[in-house]
């Protein structure tokens, strides 16, 4: 299982970071974001290490969210679960 999270100003990746994506649409979205916010990370496509089931419904919601955030930097989200961080344990 993989976990994705974003904590603003808490987890900063260096300029020489390499990001790997398992699906071409996710790769293209990541490249678009990197270009828009002018980050120099290397963004690459690679085969998944095992079974990988992409949820196109979830991916579409994430893309909508990101596009809205890029259009309006003051936008605080739409209440969907992927824009909140929580710890279960």
C-alpha atoms as a PDB file:
ATOM      1  CA  UNK A   1       0.000   0.000   0.000  1.00  0.00           C
ATOM      2  CA  UNK A   2       1.155   3.513  -0.707  1.00  0.00           C
ATOM      3  CA  UNK A   3       0.308   6.691   1.135  1.00  0.00           C
ATOM      4  CA  UNK A   4       0.076  10.145  -0.344  1.00  0.00           C
ATOM      5  CA  UNK A   5       0.137  13.244   1.846  1.00  0.00           C
ATOM      6  CA  UNK A   6       0.805  16.939   1.684  1.00  0.00           C
ATOM      7  CA  UNK A   7       1.677  19.063   4.688  1.00  0.00           C
ATOM      8  CA  UNK A   8       2.408  22.592   3.582  1.00  0.00           C
ATOM      9  CA  UNK A   9       5.896  23.798   4.536  1.00  0.00           C
ATOM     10  CA  UNK A  10       6.506  20.650   6.619  1.00  0.00           C
ATOM     11  CA  UNK A  11       7.792  18.198   4.039  1.00  0.00           C
ATOM     12  CA  UNK A  12       9.860  20.087   1.493  1.00  0.00           C
ATOM     13  CA  UNK A  13      11.494  18.131  -1.314  1.00  0.00           C
ATOM     14  CA  UNK A  14      14.895  19.307  -2.567  1.00  0.00           C
ATOM     15  CA  UNK A  15      15.272  20.561  -6.127  1.00  0.00           C
ATOM     16  CA  UNK A  16      17.027  17.344  -7.217  1.00  0.00           C
ATOM     17  CA  UNK A  17      14.067  15.138  -6.187  1.00  0.00           C
ATOM     18  CA  UNK A  18      12.834  12.438  -8.535  1.00  0.00           C
ATOM     19  CA  UNK A  19       9.134  11.597  -8.563  1.00  0.00           C
ATOM     20  CA  UNK A  20       7.963   8.335 -10.103  1.00  0.00           C
ATOM     21  CA  UNK A  21       4.459   7.687 -11.403  1.00  0.00           C
ATOM     22  CA  UNK A  22       2.857   4.413 -12.417  1.00  0.00           C
ATOM     23  CA  UNK A  23       0.226   5.815 -14.751  1.00  0.00           C
ATOM     24  CA  UNK A  24       0.715   8.116 -17.746  1.00  0.00           C
ATOM     25  CA  UNK A  25      -2.194  10.434 -16.857  1.00  0.00           C
ATOM     26  CA  UNK A  26      -0.782  10.952 -13.338  1.00  0.00           C
ATOM     27  CA  UNK A  27       2.643  11.625 -14.842  1.00  0.00           C
ATOM     28  CA  UNK A  28       1.203  14.236 -17.206  1.00  0.00           C
ATOM     29  CA  UNK A  29      -0.683  15.943 -14.373  1.00  0.00           C
ATOM     30  CA  UNK A  30       2.455  16.016 -12.205  1.00  0.00           C
ATOM     31  CA  UNK A  31       4.494  17.516 -15.053  1.00  0.00           C
ATOM     32  CA  UNK A  32       1.814  20.152 -15.612  1.00  0.00           C
ATOM     33  CA  UNK A  33       1.815  21.091 -11.919  1.00  0.00           C
ATOM     34  CA  UNK A  34       5.626  21.204 -11.773  1.00  0.00           C
ATOM     35  CA  UNK A  35       5.715  23.481 -14.808  1.00  0.00           C
ATOM     36  CA  UNK A  36       2.972  25.726 -13.430  1.00  0.00           C
ATOM     37  CA  UNK A  37       4.667  26.249 -10.058  1.00  0.00           C
ATOM     38  CA  UNK A  38       8.165  26.176 -11.571  1.00  0.00           C
ATOM     39  CA  UNK A  39       9.763  23.303  -9.680  1.00  0.00           C
ATOM     40  CA  UNK A  40      12.782  21.503 -11.156  1.00  0.00           C
ATOM     41  CA  UNK A  41      11.965  17.959  -9.981  1.00  0.00           C
ATOM     42  CA  UNK A  42      12.537  15.068 -12.352  1.00  0.00           C
ATOM     43  CA  UNK A  43       9.185  13.431 -13.032  1.00  0.00           C
ATOM     44  CA  UNK A  44       9.293   9.948 -14.526  1.00  0.00           C
ATOM     45  CA  UNK A  45       7.064   7.051 -15.506  1.00  0.00           C
ATOM     46  CA  UNK A  46       7.973   3.586 -14.261  1.00  0.00           C
ATOM     47  CA  UNK A  47       6.224   0.233 -13.981  1.00  0.00           C
ATOM     48  CA  UNK A  48       4.597  -0.353 -10.580  1.00  0.00           C
ATOM     49  CA  UNK A  49       6.431  -2.683  -8.172  1.00  0.00           C
ATOM     50  CA  UNK A  50       3.397  -4.956  -7.990  1.00  0.00           C
ATOM     51  CA  UNK A  51      -0.328  -4.878  -8.614  1.00  0.00           C
ATOM     52  CA  UNK A  52      -1.502  -1.323  -9.188  1.00  0.00           C
ATOM     53  CA  UNK A  53      -5.160  -0.533  -9.619  1.00  0.00           C
ATOM     54  CA  UNK A  54      -5.668   3.051 -10.672  1.00  0.00           C
ATOM     55  CA  UNK A  55      -9.026   4.520  -9.659  1.00  0.00           C
ATOM     56  CA  UNK A  56      -9.951   6.757 -12.574  1.00  0.00           C
ATOM     57  CA  UNK A  57     -12.830   8.247 -10.560  1.00  0.00           C
ATOM     58  CA  UNK A  58     -10.461   9.249  -7.750  1.00  0.00           C
ATOM     59  CA  UNK A  59      -7.819  10.448 -10.219  1.00  0.00           C
ATOM     60  CA  UNK A  60     -10.403  12.640 -11.937  1.00  0.00           C
ATOM     61  CA  UNK A  61     -11.450  14.181  -8.608  1.00  0.00           C
ATOM     62  CA  UNK A  62      -7.801  14.861  -7.741  1.00  0.00           C
ATOM     63  CA  UNK A  63      -7.214  16.479 -11.129  1.00  0.00           C
ATOM     64  CA  UNK A  64     -10.263  18.731 -10.674  1.00  0.00           C
ATOM     65  CA  UNK A  65      -9.048  19.681  -7.202  1.00  0.00           C
ATOM     66  CA  UNK A  66      -5.551  20.523  -8.442  1.00  0.00           C
ATOM     67  CA  UNK A  67      -6.806  22.522 -11.413  1.00  0.00           C
ATOM     68  CA  UNK A  68      -9.020  24.599  -9.088  1.00  0.00           C
ATOM     69  CA  UNK A  69      -6.126  25.145  -6.666  1.00  0.00           C
ATOM     70  CA  UNK A  70      -3.832  26.274  -9.490  1.00  0.00           C
ATOM     71  CA  UNK A  71      -6.465  28.711 -10.780  1.00  0.00           C
ATOM     72  CA  UNK A  72      -7.105  30.190  -7.325  1.00  0.00           C
ATOM     73  CA  UNK A  73      -4.233  29.959  -4.804  1.00  0.00           C
ATOM     74  CA  UNK A  74      -6.581  31.211  -2.040  1.00  0.00           C
ATOM     75  CA  UNK A  75      -9.033  28.338  -2.558  1.00  0.00           C
ATOM     76  CA  UNK A  76      -9.150  26.167   0.552  1.00  0.00           C
ATOM     77  CA  UNK A  77     -10.502  22.947  -0.939  1.00  0.00           C
ATOM     78  CA  UNK A  78     -13.806  21.260  -1.463  1.00  0.00           C
ATOM     79  CA  UNK A  79     -14.009  19.061   1.622  1.00  0.00           C
ATOM     80  CA  UNK A  80     -12.906  15.862  -0.101  1.00  0.00           C
ATOM     81  CA  UNK A  81     -10.845  13.463   1.987  1.00  0.00           C
ATOM     82  CA  UNK A  82      -7.600  13.787   0.054  1.00  0.00           C
ATOM     83  CA  UNK A  83      -7.108  17.396   1.112  1.00  0.00           C
ATOM     84  CA  UNK A  84      -7.021  16.550   4.834  1.00  0.00           C
ATOM     85  CA  UNK A  85      -4.285  14.767   6.745  1.00  0.00           C
ATOM     86  CA  UNK A  86      -5.107  12.543   9.686  1.00  0.00           C
ATOM     87  CA  UNK A  87      -3.370   9.876  11.688  1.00  0.00           C
ATOM     88  CA  UNK A  88      -5.024   6.600  12.580  1.00  0.00           C
ATOM     89  CA  UNK A  89      -3.183   4.604  15.116  1.00  0.00           C
END
